[in-house]
């Protein structure tokens, strides 16, 4: 089945190990030479309505996606998903 990026962005990403809703896909990374999707990116959640910045972004490797369903994307990660990178606001605070 084919999905567009806008359809993927509307689906919630659920970690099947913990049952936690991680969020929705905000971006994706792919290889230009092969046009293969490498990962989905979930932007960090805002802290105090965005006034205190955001949490780090999450990256979900395409290999960890077990099912893309009608309403959700099920992800099976062997370990907890680490932040992809700190948000721009947080870089200066270190």
C-alpha atoms as a PDB file:
ATOM      1  CA  UNK A   1       0.000   0.000   0.000  1.00  0.00           C
ATOM      2  CA  UNK A   2       1.268   3.477  -0.819  1.00  0.00           C
ATOM      3  CA  UNK A   3       1.119   6.381   1.623  1.00  0.00           C
ATOM      4  CA  UNK A   4       1.877  10.039   1.114  1.00  0.00           C
ATOM      5  CA  UNK A   5       3.907  12.042   3.635  1.00  0.00           C
ATOM      6  CA  UNK A   6       0.773  13.912   4.712  1.00  0.00           C
ATOM      7  CA  UNK A   7      -0.964  10.575   5.441  1.00  0.00           C
ATOM      8  CA  UNK A   8       2.033   9.354   7.449  1.00  0.00           C
ATOM      9  CA  UNK A   9       2.081  12.614   9.440  1.00  0.00           C
ATOM     10  CA  UNK A  10      -1.537  12.078  10.541  1.00  0.00           C
ATOM     11  CA  UNK A  11      -0.814   8.692  12.142  1.00  0.00           C
ATOM     12  CA  UNK A  12       0.250   8.342  15.762  1.00  0.00           C
ATOM     13  CA  UNK A  13       3.480   6.449  16.392  1.00  0.00           C
ATOM     14  CA  UNK A  14       3.105   3.877  19.186  1.00  0.00           C
ATOM     15  CA  UNK A  15       5.931   1.999  20.914  1.00  0.00           C
ATOM     16  CA  UNK A  16       4.691  -1.600  21.178  1.00  0.00           C
ATOM     17  CA  UNK A  17       7.102  -2.420  24.043  1.00  0.00           C
ATOM     18  CA  UNK A  18       5.603   0.134  26.416  1.00  0.00           C
ATOM     19  CA  UNK A  19       2.318   1.082  24.744  1.00  0.00           C
ATOM     20  CA  UNK A  20       3.426   4.719  24.789  1.00  0.00           C
ATOM     21  CA  UNK A  21       2.289   7.131  22.118  1.00  0.00           C
ATOM     22  CA  UNK A  22       5.513   8.778  20.965  1.00  0.00           C
ATOM     23  CA  UNK A  23       3.824  11.409  18.817  1.00  0.00           C
ATOM     24  CA  UNK A  24       3.331  11.929  15.113  1.00  0.00           C
ATOM     25  CA  UNK A  25       5.946  11.906  12.374  1.00  0.00           C
ATOM     26  CA  UNK A  26       7.093  15.434  11.625  1.00  0.00           C
ATOM     27  CA  UNK A  27       9.859  14.672   9.146  1.00  0.00           C
ATOM     28  CA  UNK A  28      11.600  11.795   7.406  1.00  0.00           C
ATOM     29  CA  UNK A  29      15.121  11.025   6.244  1.00  0.00           C
ATOM     30  CA  UNK A  30      15.894   9.134   3.068  1.00  0.00           C
ATOM     31  CA  UNK A  31      18.865   8.221   0.912  1.00  0.00           C
ATOM     32  CA  UNK A  32      18.964  10.316  -2.234  1.00  0.00           C
ATOM     33  CA  UNK A  33      20.718   7.639  -4.322  1.00  0.00           C
ATOM     34  CA  UNK A  34      18.260   4.823  -3.596  1.00  0.00           C
ATOM     35  CA  UNK A  35      15.202   6.832  -2.441  1.00  0.00           C
ATOM     36  CA  UNK A  36      14.883   4.508   0.578  1.00  0.00           C
ATOM     37  CA  UNK A  37      13.396   5.862   3.769  1.00  0.00           C
ATOM     38  CA  UNK A  38      15.924   5.642   6.620  1.00  0.00           C
ATOM     39  CA  UNK A  39      13.975   7.083   9.568  1.00  0.00           C
ATOM     40  CA  UNK A  40      11.026   9.096  10.791  1.00  0.00           C
ATOM     41  CA  UNK A  41      11.617  12.104  13.041  1.00  0.00           C
ATOM     42  CA  UNK A  42       9.307  13.129  15.859  1.00  0.00           C
ATOM     43  CA  UNK A  43       9.912  16.655  17.116  1.00  0.00           C
ATOM     44  CA  UNK A  44      10.247  16.991  20.900  1.00  0.00           C
ATOM     45  CA  UNK A  45       7.251  17.953  22.968  1.00  0.00           C
ATOM     46  CA  UNK A  46       7.031  21.550  24.155  1.00  0.00           C
ATOM     47  CA  UNK A  47       7.790  22.288  27.802  1.00  0.00           C
ATOM     48  CA  UNK A  48       5.250  24.564  29.494  1.00  0.00           C
ATOM     49  CA  UNK A  49       3.477  25.442  26.235  1.00  0.00           C
ATOM     50  CA  UNK A  50       6.825  26.060  24.515  1.00  0.00           C
ATOM     51  CA  UNK A  51       7.917  28.793  26.916  1.00  0.00           C
ATOM     52  CA  UNK A  52      10.719  26.606  28.297  1.00  0.00           C
ATOM     53  CA  UNK A  53      11.798  25.182  24.951  1.00  0.00           C
ATOM     54  CA  UNK A  54      11.281  21.610  23.793  1.00  0.00           C
ATOM     55  CA  UNK A  55      12.486  18.130  24.584  1.00  0.00           C
ATOM     56  CA  UNK A  56      14.933  16.514  22.163  1.00  0.00           C
ATOM     57  CA  UNK A  57      13.738  15.078  18.862  1.00  0.00           C
ATOM     58  CA  UNK A  58      13.248  11.320  18.457  1.00  0.00           C
ATOM     59  CA  UNK A  59      14.422   9.351  15.453  1.00  0.00           C
ATOM     60  CA  UNK A  60      12.706   6.050  14.600  1.00  0.00           C
ATOM     61  CA  UNK A  61      14.675   3.855  12.206  1.00  0.00           C
ATOM     62  CA  UNK A  62      12.630   2.375   9.390  1.00  0.00           C
ATOM     63  CA  UNK A  63      13.781  -1.116  10.423  1.00  0.00           C
ATOM     64  CA  UNK A  64      12.022  -0.638  13.788  1.00  0.00           C
ATOM     65  CA  UNK A  65       8.618  -0.007  12.196  1.00  0.00           C
ATOM     66  CA  UNK A  66       6.645  -3.229  12.525  1.00  0.00           C
ATOM     67  CA  UNK A  67       3.302  -2.100  11.055  1.00  0.00           C
ATOM     68  CA  UNK A  68       1.813   0.926   9.349  1.00  0.00           C
ATOM     69  CA  UNK A  69      -1.904   0.691   9.984  1.00  0.00           C
ATOM     70  CA  UNK A  70      -4.955   2.764   9.165  1.00  0.00           C
ATOM     71  CA  UNK A  71      -4.671   4.958  12.271  1.00  0.00           C
ATOM     72  CA  UNK A  72      -1.237   4.289  13.772  1.00  0.00           C
ATOM     73  CA  UNK A  73       2.350   3.281  13.117  1.00  0.00           C
ATOM     74  CA  UNK A  74       3.569   0.522  15.442  1.00  0.00           C
ATOM     75  CA  UNK A  75       7.226   0.670  16.386  1.00  0.00           C
ATOM     76  CA  UNK A  76       9.218  -2.094  18.062  1.00  0.00           C
ATOM     77  CA  UNK A  77      12.499  -0.718  19.386  1.00  0.00           C
ATOM     78  CA  UNK A  78      14.971  -2.991  21.148  1.00  0.00           C
ATOM     79  CA  UNK A  79      15.951  -0.169  23.506  1.00  0.00           C
ATOM     80  CA  UNK A  80      14.571   3.172  24.536  1.00  0.00           C
ATOM     81  CA  UNK A  81      14.707   5.691  21.726  1.00  0.00           C
ATOM     82  CA  UNK A  82      17.354   8.338  22.488  1.00  0.00           C
ATOM     83  CA  UNK A  83      16.885  11.968  21.470  1.00  0.00           C
ATOM     84  CA  UNK A  84      18.068  12.624  17.931  1.00  0.00           C
ATOM     85  CA  UNK A  85      19.537  16.030  18.763  1.00  0.00           C
ATOM     86  CA  UNK A  86      18.748  18.841  21.190  1.00  0.00           C
ATOM     87  CA  UNK A  87      16.431  21.555  19.991  1.00  0.00           C
ATOM     88  CA  UNK A  88      18.072  24.810  18.820  1.00  0.00           C
ATOM     89  CA  UNK A  89      16.916  26.678  21.958  1.00  0.00           C
ATOM     90  CA  UNK A  90      18.688  24.142  24.191  1.00  0.00           C
ATOM     91  CA  UNK A  91      22.099  24.210  22.488  1.00  0.00           C
ATOM     92  CA  UNK A  92      23.171  27.425  24.187  1.00  0.00           C
ATOM     93  CA  UNK A  93      22.087  26.240  27.657  1.00  0.00           C
ATOM     94  CA  UNK A  94      24.748  23.519  28.004  1.00  0.00           C
END
